[in-house]
N, C-alpha and C. Protein backbone atom coordinates (compact mmCIF):
# COMPACT_ATOMS: atom_id res chain seq x y z
N UNK A 1 21.69 39.23 -10.01
CA UNK A 1 21.23 39.13 -11.39
C UNK A 1 19.86 39.81 -11.50
N UNK A 2 19.74 40.79 -12.38
CA UNK A 2 18.45 41.45 -12.63
C UNK A 2 17.61 40.54 -13.52
N UNK A 3 16.46 40.22 -13.02
CA UNK A 3 15.57 39.32 -13.75
C UNK A 3 14.17 39.91 -13.64
N UNK A 4 13.43 39.99 -14.75
CA UNK A 4 12.13 40.69 -14.75
C UNK A 4 10.98 39.90 -14.11
N UNK A 5 11.29 38.83 -13.41
CA UNK A 5 10.25 38.01 -12.79
C UNK A 5 10.60 37.75 -11.33
N UNK A 6 9.58 37.45 -10.56
CA UNK A 6 9.80 37.01 -9.18
C UNK A 6 9.16 35.63 -9.03
N UNK A 7 9.52 34.99 -7.94
CA UNK A 7 9.08 33.61 -7.72
C UNK A 7 8.18 33.54 -6.50
N UNK A 8 7.13 32.75 -6.60
CA UNK A 8 6.25 32.47 -5.47
C UNK A 8 6.31 30.97 -5.23
N UNK A 9 6.74 30.58 -4.01
CA UNK A 9 6.94 29.17 -3.69
C UNK A 9 5.87 28.73 -2.69
N UNK A 10 5.31 27.55 -2.91
CA UNK A 10 4.31 27.01 -1.98
C UNK A 10 4.96 26.70 -0.64
N UNK A 11 4.16 26.68 0.40
CA UNK A 11 4.68 26.47 1.75
C UNK A 11 5.37 25.11 1.89
N UNK A 12 4.88 24.10 1.20
CA UNK A 12 5.49 22.77 1.28
C UNK A 12 6.68 22.59 0.34
N UNK A 13 7.05 23.65 -0.36
CA UNK A 13 8.20 23.66 -1.28
C UNK A 13 8.05 22.67 -2.44
N UNK A 14 6.80 22.38 -2.79
CA UNK A 14 6.55 21.43 -3.87
C UNK A 14 6.21 22.11 -5.19
N UNK A 15 5.88 23.41 -5.16
CA UNK A 15 5.53 24.12 -6.39
C UNK A 15 6.09 25.54 -6.34
N UNK A 16 6.44 26.05 -7.53
CA UNK A 16 6.89 27.44 -7.65
C UNK A 16 6.25 28.04 -8.89
N UNK A 17 5.79 29.30 -8.74
CA UNK A 17 5.16 30.02 -9.85
C UNK A 17 5.99 31.26 -10.17
N UNK A 18 6.04 31.59 -11.42
CA UNK A 18 6.78 32.77 -11.86
C UNK A 18 5.77 33.88 -12.16
N UNK A 19 6.10 35.09 -11.68
CA UNK A 19 5.21 36.25 -11.81
C UNK A 19 6.04 37.44 -12.29
N UNK A 20 5.56 38.24 -13.26
CA UNK A 20 6.33 39.40 -13.70
C UNK A 20 6.43 40.45 -12.59
N UNK A 21 7.60 41.11 -12.48
CA UNK A 21 7.80 42.14 -11.46
C UNK A 21 7.02 43.40 -11.83
N UNK A 22 7.11 43.82 -13.06
CA UNK A 22 6.37 45.01 -13.50
C UNK A 22 5.00 44.64 -14.03
N UNK A 23 4.38 45.59 -14.69
CA UNK A 23 3.06 45.35 -15.29
C UNK A 23 3.14 44.52 -16.55
N UNK A 24 4.30 44.50 -17.18
CA UNK A 24 4.45 43.86 -18.49
C UNK A 24 5.42 42.68 -18.40
N UNK A 25 5.03 41.56 -19.00
CA UNK A 25 5.91 40.40 -19.07
C UNK A 25 6.96 40.64 -20.15
N UNK A 26 8.17 40.17 -19.87
CA UNK A 26 9.27 40.34 -20.83
C UNK A 26 9.79 38.98 -21.26
N UNK A 27 10.20 38.90 -22.52
CA UNK A 27 10.81 37.67 -23.02
C UNK A 27 12.20 37.52 -22.42
N UNK A 28 12.51 36.28 -22.05
CA UNK A 28 13.85 35.97 -21.52
C UNK A 28 14.34 34.71 -22.21
N UNK A 29 15.65 34.56 -22.26
CA UNK A 29 16.24 33.40 -22.93
C UNK A 29 16.22 32.19 -22.00
N UNK A 30 16.36 31.05 -22.61
CA UNK A 30 16.42 29.79 -21.88
C UNK A 30 17.57 29.81 -20.87
N UNK A 31 18.70 30.33 -21.29
CA UNK A 31 19.89 30.40 -20.43
C UNK A 31 19.65 31.32 -19.23
N UNK A 32 19.01 32.46 -19.46
CA UNK A 32 18.70 33.39 -18.37
C UNK A 32 17.80 32.73 -17.32
N UNK A 33 16.81 31.99 -17.80
CA UNK A 33 15.90 31.29 -16.89
C UNK A 33 16.66 30.27 -16.05
N UNK A 34 17.51 29.47 -16.71
CA UNK A 34 18.29 28.45 -16.01
C UNK A 34 19.19 29.07 -14.94
N UNK A 35 19.90 30.13 -15.30
CA UNK A 35 20.81 30.79 -14.34
C UNK A 35 20.02 31.35 -13.16
N UNK A 36 18.88 31.95 -13.44
CA UNK A 36 18.06 32.52 -12.37
C UNK A 36 17.54 31.44 -11.42
N UNK A 37 17.05 30.33 -11.98
CA UNK A 37 16.52 29.25 -11.14
C UNK A 37 17.61 28.62 -10.28
N UNK A 38 18.80 28.42 -10.85
CA UNK A 38 19.92 27.84 -10.09
C UNK A 38 20.34 28.78 -8.96
N UNK A 39 20.25 30.08 -9.18
CA UNK A 39 20.64 31.05 -8.14
C UNK A 39 19.67 31.05 -6.96
N UNK A 40 18.47 30.49 -7.11
CA UNK A 40 17.45 30.55 -6.06
C UNK A 40 17.59 29.52 -4.93
N UNK A 41 18.03 28.37 -4.92
CA UNK A 41 18.35 27.43 -5.99
C UNK A 41 17.22 26.43 -6.23
N UNK A 42 16.53 26.57 -7.32
CA UNK A 42 15.52 25.59 -7.71
C UNK A 42 16.16 24.67 -8.74
N UNK A 43 16.23 23.38 -8.37
CA UNK A 43 16.99 22.45 -9.21
C UNK A 43 16.18 21.23 -9.65
N UNK A 44 14.97 21.06 -9.13
CA UNK A 44 14.22 19.84 -9.45
C UNK A 44 12.82 20.19 -9.98
N UNK A 45 12.37 19.42 -10.94
CA UNK A 45 11.00 19.51 -11.44
C UNK A 45 10.72 20.73 -12.30
N UNK A 46 11.75 21.27 -12.94
CA UNK A 46 11.57 22.48 -13.76
C UNK A 46 10.76 22.13 -15.01
N UNK A 47 9.74 22.93 -15.27
CA UNK A 47 8.82 22.70 -16.38
C UNK A 47 9.39 23.30 -17.67
N UNK A 48 9.73 22.44 -18.61
CA UNK A 48 10.29 22.90 -19.89
C UNK A 48 9.28 23.73 -20.69
N UNK A 49 8.01 23.32 -20.61
CA UNK A 49 6.99 24.06 -21.38
C UNK A 49 6.82 25.49 -20.87
N UNK A 50 7.05 25.71 -19.58
CA UNK A 50 6.99 27.07 -19.02
C UNK A 50 8.14 27.90 -19.55
N UNK A 51 9.31 27.29 -19.64
CA UNK A 51 10.47 28.01 -20.18
C UNK A 51 10.20 28.44 -21.62
N UNK A 52 9.52 27.60 -22.39
CA UNK A 52 9.18 27.93 -23.78
C UNK A 52 8.22 29.13 -23.81
N UNK A 53 7.25 29.16 -22.90
CA UNK A 53 6.30 30.28 -22.83
C UNK A 53 7.01 31.59 -22.53
N UNK A 54 8.07 31.54 -21.74
CA UNK A 54 8.78 32.77 -21.37
C UNK A 54 9.63 33.33 -22.51
N UNK A 55 9.88 32.53 -23.53
CA UNK A 55 10.61 33.02 -24.70
C UNK A 55 9.71 33.94 -25.53
N UNK A 56 8.41 33.66 -25.50
CA UNK A 56 7.44 34.49 -26.22
C UNK A 56 6.25 34.71 -25.29
N UNK A 57 6.18 35.86 -24.67
CA UNK A 57 5.21 36.12 -23.60
C UNK A 57 3.91 36.78 -24.05
N UNK A 58 3.65 36.82 -25.34
CA UNK A 58 2.47 37.53 -25.84
C UNK A 58 1.15 36.99 -25.30
N UNK A 59 1.01 35.67 -25.20
CA UNK A 59 -0.28 35.11 -24.78
C UNK A 59 -0.15 34.29 -23.50
N UNK A 60 0.75 34.70 -22.63
CA UNK A 60 0.98 33.97 -21.38
C UNK A 60 0.11 34.56 -20.28
N UNK A 61 -0.51 33.69 -19.50
CA UNK A 61 -1.31 34.11 -18.35
C UNK A 61 -0.51 33.77 -17.09
N UNK A 62 -0.29 34.76 -16.25
CA UNK A 62 0.48 34.57 -15.03
C UNK A 62 -0.46 34.46 -13.83
N UNK A 63 -0.05 33.81 -12.75
CA UNK A 63 1.22 33.16 -12.50
C UNK A 63 1.36 31.88 -13.32
N UNK A 64 2.60 31.53 -13.61
CA UNK A 64 2.93 30.39 -14.46
C UNK A 64 3.74 29.39 -13.63
N UNK A 65 3.29 28.14 -13.60
CA UNK A 65 4.00 27.11 -12.84
C UNK A 65 5.33 26.83 -13.51
N UNK A 66 6.44 27.07 -12.78
CA UNK A 66 7.78 26.89 -13.34
C UNK A 66 8.45 25.61 -12.82
N UNK A 67 8.07 25.15 -11.62
CA UNK A 67 8.68 23.93 -11.07
C UNK A 67 7.68 23.21 -10.17
N UNK A 68 7.76 21.89 -10.20
CA UNK A 68 6.88 21.07 -9.37
C UNK A 68 7.65 19.85 -8.87
N UNK A 69 7.62 19.66 -7.55
CA UNK A 69 8.31 18.52 -6.94
C UNK A 69 7.56 17.22 -7.18
N UNK A 70 8.17 16.15 -6.68
CA UNK A 70 7.57 14.82 -6.83
C UNK A 70 7.24 14.30 -5.43
N UNK A 71 5.97 13.98 -5.22
CA UNK A 71 5.55 13.45 -3.92
C UNK A 71 6.11 12.04 -3.72
N UNK A 72 6.37 11.67 -2.46
CA UNK A 72 6.83 10.30 -2.22
C UNK A 72 5.69 9.31 -2.46
N UNK A 73 6.06 8.08 -2.79
CA UNK A 73 5.07 7.01 -2.92
C UNK A 73 5.17 6.17 -1.66
N UNK A 74 4.12 6.19 -0.86
CA UNK A 74 4.13 5.44 0.39
C UNK A 74 4.18 3.95 0.13
N UNK A 75 4.74 3.22 1.10
CA UNK A 75 4.87 1.78 0.99
C UNK A 75 3.53 1.07 1.08
N UNK A 76 3.47 -0.14 0.57
CA UNK A 76 2.27 -0.97 0.65
C UNK A 76 2.32 -1.80 1.93
N UNK A 77 1.17 -1.94 2.57
CA UNK A 77 1.09 -2.78 3.77
C UNK A 77 1.26 -4.24 3.39
N UNK A 78 1.82 -5.01 4.31
CA UNK A 78 1.91 -6.46 4.12
C UNK A 78 0.51 -7.06 4.21
N UNK A 79 0.31 -8.19 3.57
CA UNK A 79 -0.99 -8.85 3.58
C UNK A 79 -0.83 -10.32 3.93
N UNK A 80 -1.85 -10.86 4.54
CA UNK A 80 -1.88 -12.29 4.83
C UNK A 80 -2.81 -12.95 3.82
N UNK A 81 -2.24 -13.81 2.98
CA UNK A 81 -3.03 -14.49 1.95
C UNK A 81 -3.26 -15.92 2.39
N UNK A 82 -4.53 -16.27 2.52
CA UNK A 82 -4.87 -17.64 2.92
C UNK A 82 -4.59 -18.59 1.76
N UNK A 83 -3.81 -19.62 2.05
CA UNK A 83 -3.49 -20.63 1.04
C UNK A 83 -4.52 -21.76 1.08
N UNK A 84 -5.01 -22.00 2.28
CA UNK A 84 -5.95 -23.11 2.50
C UNK A 84 -7.27 -22.50 2.92
N UNK A 85 -8.21 -22.36 2.00
CA UNK A 85 -9.46 -21.64 2.30
C UNK A 85 -10.68 -22.55 2.36
N UNK A 86 -10.53 -23.80 1.99
CA UNK A 86 -11.70 -24.68 1.90
C UNK A 86 -12.25 -25.00 3.30
N UNK A 87 -13.46 -24.54 3.55
CA UNK A 87 -14.14 -24.90 4.79
C UNK A 87 -13.57 -24.26 6.04
N UNK A 88 -12.96 -23.10 5.95
CA UNK A 88 -12.43 -22.44 7.14
C UNK A 88 -13.58 -21.96 8.00
N UNK A 89 -13.49 -22.20 9.31
CA UNK A 89 -14.54 -21.76 10.24
C UNK A 89 -14.30 -20.31 10.61
N UNK A 90 -15.22 -19.45 10.17
CA UNK A 90 -15.14 -18.03 10.53
C UNK A 90 -16.32 -17.65 11.41
N UNK A 91 -16.97 -18.66 12.00
CA UNK A 91 -18.11 -18.38 12.86
C UNK A 91 -19.44 -18.59 12.15
N UNK A 92 -19.42 -18.76 10.84
CA UNK A 92 -20.64 -18.99 10.07
C UNK A 92 -20.55 -20.38 9.46
N UNK A 93 -21.63 -21.12 9.53
CA UNK A 93 -21.64 -22.46 8.97
C UNK A 93 -22.04 -22.38 7.50
N UNK A 94 -21.06 -22.51 6.62
CA UNK A 94 -21.31 -22.32 5.20
C UNK A 94 -21.15 -23.62 4.40
N UNK A 95 -21.11 -24.76 5.09
CA UNK A 95 -20.87 -25.99 4.36
C UNK A 95 -22.04 -26.96 4.51
N UNK A 96 -22.15 -27.88 3.60
CA UNK A 96 -23.18 -28.90 3.59
C UNK A 96 -22.61 -30.13 4.29
N UNK A 97 -23.19 -30.52 5.42
CA UNK A 97 -22.64 -31.64 6.20
C UNK A 97 -22.79 -32.98 5.49
N UNK A 98 -23.73 -33.09 4.56
CA UNK A 98 -23.89 -34.36 3.86
C UNK A 98 -22.72 -34.63 2.93
N UNK A 99 -22.07 -33.60 2.50
CA UNK A 99 -20.93 -33.75 1.60
C UNK A 99 -19.66 -33.78 2.44
N UNK A 100 -19.05 -34.96 2.55
CA UNK A 100 -17.87 -35.14 3.39
C UNK A 100 -16.73 -34.21 2.96
N UNK A 101 -16.65 -33.87 1.70
CA UNK A 101 -15.55 -33.03 1.21
C UNK A 101 -15.62 -31.60 1.77
N UNK A 102 -16.76 -31.18 2.30
CA UNK A 102 -16.90 -29.82 2.81
C UNK A 102 -16.49 -29.66 4.28
N UNK A 103 -16.12 -30.73 4.94
CA UNK A 103 -15.69 -30.63 6.34
C UNK A 103 -14.33 -29.92 6.36
N UNK A 104 -14.18 -28.91 7.18
CA UNK A 104 -12.96 -28.10 7.18
C UNK A 104 -11.78 -28.79 7.86
N UNK A 105 -11.13 -29.68 7.18
CA UNK A 105 -10.02 -30.45 7.75
C UNK A 105 -8.70 -30.02 7.14
N UNK A 106 -7.66 -30.06 7.97
CA UNK A 106 -6.31 -29.74 7.52
C UNK A 106 -5.36 -30.74 8.16
N UNK A 107 -4.29 -31.05 7.48
CA UNK A 107 -3.33 -32.04 7.97
C UNK A 107 -2.11 -31.36 8.59
N UNK A 108 -1.41 -32.11 9.41
CA UNK A 108 -0.16 -31.62 10.00
C UNK A 108 0.80 -31.21 8.90
N UNK A 109 1.38 -30.03 9.02
CA UNK A 109 2.36 -29.55 8.05
C UNK A 109 1.77 -28.80 6.86
N UNK A 110 0.44 -28.80 6.74
CA UNK A 110 -0.19 -28.05 5.63
C UNK A 110 0.02 -26.55 5.82
N UNK A 111 0.25 -25.88 4.71
CA UNK A 111 0.41 -24.43 4.73
C UNK A 111 -0.97 -23.78 4.81
N UNK A 112 -1.14 -22.92 5.80
CA UNK A 112 -2.43 -22.25 5.99
C UNK A 112 -2.46 -20.91 5.27
N UNK A 113 -1.39 -20.14 5.43
CA UNK A 113 -1.36 -18.78 4.87
C UNK A 113 0.08 -18.33 4.67
N UNK A 114 0.26 -17.29 3.86
CA UNK A 114 1.58 -16.67 3.64
C UNK A 114 1.43 -15.17 3.82
N UNK A 115 2.37 -14.58 4.54
CA UNK A 115 2.35 -13.13 4.78
C UNK A 115 3.33 -12.45 3.83
N UNK A 116 2.84 -11.46 3.09
CA UNK A 116 3.75 -10.68 2.24
C UNK A 116 4.37 -9.58 3.09
N UNK A 117 5.60 -9.23 2.78
CA UNK A 117 6.31 -8.19 3.53
C UNK A 117 5.84 -6.81 3.08
N UNK A 118 5.78 -5.86 4.02
CA UNK A 118 5.44 -4.49 3.62
C UNK A 118 6.57 -3.89 2.79
N UNK A 119 6.25 -2.93 1.95
CA UNK A 119 7.29 -2.27 1.16
C UNK A 119 7.62 -0.92 1.78
N UNK A 120 8.82 -0.44 1.51
CA UNK A 120 9.28 0.81 2.10
C UNK A 120 8.68 2.03 1.40
N UNK A 121 8.50 1.94 0.11
CA UNK A 121 8.01 3.09 -0.66
C UNK A 121 9.14 3.76 -1.41
N UNK A 122 8.83 4.82 -2.14
CA UNK A 122 9.82 5.55 -2.94
C UNK A 122 9.92 6.99 -2.46
N UNK A 123 11.16 7.49 -2.38
CA UNK A 123 11.39 8.86 -1.95
C UNK A 123 10.83 9.84 -2.97
N UNK A 124 10.38 10.98 -2.49
CA UNK A 124 9.99 12.09 -3.34
C UNK A 124 11.07 13.16 -3.27
N UNK A 125 10.83 14.29 -3.92
CA UNK A 125 11.80 15.38 -3.90
C UNK A 125 11.09 16.71 -4.08
N UNK A 126 11.49 17.71 -3.26
CA UNK A 126 10.90 19.04 -3.44
C UNK A 126 11.67 19.80 -4.52
N UNK A 127 11.23 21.02 -4.85
CA UNK A 127 11.84 21.76 -5.96
C UNK A 127 13.26 22.23 -5.66
N UNK A 128 13.65 22.18 -4.36
CA UNK A 128 15.01 22.56 -3.98
C UNK A 128 15.96 21.36 -3.94
N UNK A 129 15.46 20.19 -4.31
CA UNK A 129 16.30 18.99 -4.36
C UNK A 129 16.38 18.24 -3.04
N UNK A 130 15.53 18.57 -2.07
CA UNK A 130 15.51 17.86 -0.79
C UNK A 130 14.64 16.61 -0.91
N UNK A 131 15.18 15.49 -0.43
CA UNK A 131 14.41 14.24 -0.47
C UNK A 131 13.26 14.29 0.53
N UNK A 132 12.15 13.67 0.15
CA UNK A 132 10.98 13.56 1.03
C UNK A 132 10.78 12.07 1.30
N UNK A 133 10.86 11.73 2.57
CA UNK A 133 10.79 10.33 2.98
C UNK A 133 9.37 9.79 2.82
N UNK A 134 9.25 8.57 2.28
CA UNK A 134 7.91 7.96 2.17
C UNK A 134 7.47 7.38 3.52
N UNK A 135 6.19 7.10 3.62
CA UNK A 135 5.66 6.42 4.81
C UNK A 135 5.73 4.92 4.52
N UNK A 136 6.52 4.17 5.29
CA UNK A 136 6.63 2.74 5.00
C UNK A 136 5.33 1.99 5.30
N UNK A 137 5.14 0.88 4.60
CA UNK A 137 3.96 0.05 4.83
C UNK A 137 4.04 -0.65 6.18
N UNK A 138 2.91 -1.12 6.65
CA UNK A 138 2.84 -1.80 7.95
C UNK A 138 2.81 -3.31 7.74
N UNK A 139 3.29 -4.01 8.74
CA UNK A 139 3.29 -5.47 8.73
C UNK A 139 1.85 -5.98 8.74
N UNK A 140 1.61 -7.10 8.09
CA UNK A 140 0.28 -7.73 8.10
C UNK A 140 -0.09 -8.06 9.55
N UNK A 141 -1.35 -7.82 9.91
CA UNK A 141 -1.80 -8.05 11.28
C UNK A 141 -2.41 -9.44 11.40
N UNK A 142 -1.78 -10.28 12.22
CA UNK A 142 -2.31 -11.61 12.52
C UNK A 142 -1.63 -12.11 13.79
N UNK A 143 -2.30 -13.04 14.45
CA UNK A 143 -1.75 -13.66 15.66
C UNK A 143 -1.79 -15.17 15.46
N UNK A 144 -0.79 -15.83 16.00
CA UNK A 144 -0.75 -17.29 15.94
C UNK A 144 -1.55 -17.84 17.12
N UNK A 145 -2.52 -18.66 16.80
CA UNK A 145 -3.29 -19.33 17.83
C UNK A 145 -2.71 -20.71 18.09
N UNK A 146 -3.42 -21.52 18.86
CA UNK A 146 -2.95 -22.87 19.14
C UNK A 146 -2.78 -23.69 17.86
N UNK A 147 -1.74 -24.50 17.86
CA UNK A 147 -1.46 -25.48 16.81
C UNK A 147 -1.11 -24.86 15.46
N UNK A 148 -0.57 -23.64 15.49
CA UNK A 148 -0.12 -22.96 14.27
C UNK A 148 1.29 -22.43 14.53
N UNK A 149 2.20 -22.66 13.57
CA UNK A 149 3.56 -22.13 13.68
C UNK A 149 3.84 -21.26 12.45
N UNK A 150 4.84 -20.39 12.62
CA UNK A 150 5.26 -19.53 11.51
C UNK A 150 6.68 -19.89 11.12
N UNK A 151 6.90 -20.04 9.83
CA UNK A 151 8.24 -20.31 9.30
C UNK A 151 8.40 -19.52 8.01
N UNK A 152 9.39 -18.62 7.99
CA UNK A 152 9.67 -17.81 6.81
C UNK A 152 8.41 -17.14 6.26
N UNK A 153 7.69 -16.44 7.12
CA UNK A 153 6.49 -15.66 6.77
C UNK A 153 5.32 -16.51 6.28
N UNK A 154 5.35 -17.80 6.53
CA UNK A 154 4.22 -18.67 6.20
C UNK A 154 3.72 -19.35 7.46
N UNK A 155 2.41 -19.62 7.52
CA UNK A 155 1.80 -20.26 8.68
C UNK A 155 1.46 -21.70 8.33
N UNK A 156 1.78 -22.61 9.27
CA UNK A 156 1.56 -24.04 9.05
C UNK A 156 0.81 -24.65 10.23
N UNK A 157 0.06 -25.71 9.95
CA UNK A 157 -0.65 -26.44 10.98
C UNK A 157 0.30 -27.45 11.63
N UNK A 158 0.22 -27.58 12.97
CA UNK A 158 1.06 -28.57 13.67
C UNK A 158 0.28 -29.83 14.01
N UNK A 159 -1.04 -29.83 13.72
CA UNK A 159 -1.86 -31.01 13.98
C UNK A 159 -2.87 -31.19 12.84
N UNK A 160 -3.50 -32.36 12.83
CA UNK A 160 -4.67 -32.57 11.98
C UNK A 160 -5.84 -31.92 12.71
N UNK A 161 -6.65 -31.15 12.00
CA UNK A 161 -7.77 -30.50 12.69
C UNK A 161 -8.55 -29.57 11.79
N UNK A 162 -9.20 -28.60 12.44
CA UNK A 162 -10.08 -27.64 11.76
C UNK A 162 -9.47 -26.25 11.91
N UNK A 163 -9.31 -25.53 10.78
CA UNK A 163 -8.81 -24.15 10.82
C UNK A 163 -9.93 -23.26 11.32
N UNK A 164 -9.56 -22.34 12.20
CA UNK A 164 -10.52 -21.38 12.72
C UNK A 164 -9.86 -20.01 12.75
N UNK A 165 -10.59 -18.99 12.29
CA UNK A 165 -10.08 -17.61 12.32
C UNK A 165 -11.05 -16.79 13.16
N UNK A 166 -10.53 -16.24 14.25
CA UNK A 166 -11.33 -15.39 15.13
C UNK A 166 -10.59 -14.07 15.26
N UNK A 167 -11.18 -13.01 14.69
CA UNK A 167 -10.48 -11.72 14.67
C UNK A 167 -9.23 -11.84 13.81
N UNK A 168 -8.07 -11.58 14.41
CA UNK A 168 -6.80 -11.72 13.70
C UNK A 168 -6.06 -13.00 14.09
N UNK A 169 -6.69 -13.83 14.91
CA UNK A 169 -6.04 -15.05 15.40
C UNK A 169 -6.39 -16.23 14.50
N UNK A 170 -5.34 -16.93 14.06
CA UNK A 170 -5.51 -18.12 13.22
C UNK A 170 -5.10 -19.32 14.06
N UNK A 171 -5.99 -20.30 14.16
CA UNK A 171 -5.69 -21.48 14.96
C UNK A 171 -6.21 -22.73 14.27
N UNK A 172 -5.72 -23.88 14.74
CA UNK A 172 -6.21 -25.16 14.26
C UNK A 172 -6.75 -25.91 15.48
N UNK A 173 -8.03 -26.24 15.45
CA UNK A 173 -8.68 -26.93 16.57
C UNK A 173 -8.69 -28.43 16.33
N UNK A 174 -8.42 -29.21 17.38
CA UNK A 174 -8.48 -30.67 17.24
C UNK A 174 -9.92 -31.20 17.32
N UNK A 175 -10.88 -30.29 17.52
CA UNK A 175 -12.28 -30.68 17.69
C UNK A 175 -13.11 -30.02 16.60
N UNK A 176 -14.07 -30.75 16.05
CA UNK A 176 -15.00 -30.19 15.07
C UNK A 176 -16.35 -30.05 15.75
N UNK A 177 -16.87 -28.83 15.79
CA UNK A 177 -18.15 -28.57 16.44
C UNK A 177 -19.27 -28.55 15.41
N UNK A 178 -20.30 -29.35 15.65
CA UNK A 178 -21.50 -29.33 14.82
C UNK A 178 -22.47 -28.38 15.49
N UNK A 179 -22.90 -27.40 14.78
CA UNK A 179 -23.86 -26.44 15.34
C UNK A 179 -25.24 -27.08 15.31
N UNK A 180 -25.84 -27.25 16.47
CA UNK A 180 -27.14 -27.90 16.57
C UNK A 180 -26.97 -29.33 17.06
N UNK A 181 -28.03 -30.10 16.96
CA UNK A 181 -28.01 -31.49 17.42
C UNK A 181 -27.46 -32.40 16.33
N UNK A 182 -26.75 -33.44 16.79
CA UNK A 182 -26.23 -34.44 15.87
C UNK A 182 -27.36 -35.42 15.57
N UNK A 183 -27.77 -35.50 14.31
CA UNK A 183 -28.88 -36.38 13.93
C UNK A 183 -28.67 -36.84 12.50
N UNK A 184 -29.64 -37.60 11.99
CA UNK A 184 -29.54 -38.07 10.61
C UNK A 184 -29.58 -36.91 9.61
N UNK A 185 -30.18 -35.79 10.02
CA UNK A 185 -30.25 -34.63 9.14
C UNK A 185 -28.86 -34.05 8.86
N UNK A 186 -27.95 -34.27 9.79
CA UNK A 186 -26.59 -33.73 9.65
C UNK A 186 -25.87 -34.41 8.49
N UNK A 187 -26.07 -35.69 8.32
CA UNK A 187 -25.42 -36.40 7.22
C UNK A 187 -24.12 -37.05 7.66
N UNK A 188 -23.27 -37.36 6.71
CA UNK A 188 -22.01 -38.05 6.99
C UNK A 188 -20.98 -37.08 7.54
N UNK A 189 -20.26 -37.52 8.57
CA UNK A 189 -19.18 -36.71 9.15
C UNK A 189 -17.93 -37.56 9.16
N UNK A 190 -16.88 -37.06 8.56
CA UNK A 190 -15.59 -37.74 8.56
C UNK A 190 -14.56 -36.72 9.01
N UNK A 191 -14.03 -36.89 10.21
CA UNK A 191 -13.09 -35.92 10.77
C UNK A 191 -12.05 -36.68 11.57
N UNK A 192 -10.78 -36.24 11.51
CA UNK A 192 -9.67 -36.97 12.13
C UNK A 192 -9.73 -36.98 13.66
N UNK A 193 -10.28 -35.95 14.24
CA UNK A 193 -10.25 -35.81 15.70
C UNK A 193 -11.66 -35.95 16.27
N UNK A 194 -11.95 -35.22 17.35
CA UNK A 194 -13.23 -35.31 18.04
C UNK A 194 -14.31 -34.49 17.33
N UNK A 195 -15.54 -35.00 17.37
CA UNK A 195 -16.69 -34.28 16.83
C UNK A 195 -17.66 -34.04 17.97
N UNK A 196 -18.08 -32.79 18.14
CA UNK A 196 -19.05 -32.44 19.19
C UNK A 196 -20.24 -31.75 18.57
């Protein structure tokens, strides 16, 4: 098929530009453009507005984007959402010992956290109709420490104790550590297990 334009395709096959073969751009019909693109074969992401410009080429600036693929949407990583956040020991003492309600206590069977599943993502497509695989999300990073079990992507305490998170490890300690000396300045302490 004689067609007064040539095509320039990007290396990743995600974009194609139309360029006149001679010095002068020529008007072409919608049908001629469609037949030419199918013969190449460019079948995805064809720009309708570009086809309209080629019907009347008086004020067209070349190269003209004629087709553009769709990039894949990568999957989302899984996340660990803490359900029980009150008084969790992360290595910093952020609670008032005089207030008994601030002691980081958890009961047997309490839900500590829930892990969301990673998503796969959505496929993309290049201008030739080839699917582009997405990058799937990664699993949430966490480790089960002592006295913690996992059931259906949720973490639960197996004892009464204190939640502690060190790095990616979640554990429940049967001992509550008071930083510093135990004195009247510490205030009231109410804890199910041992206090040191």
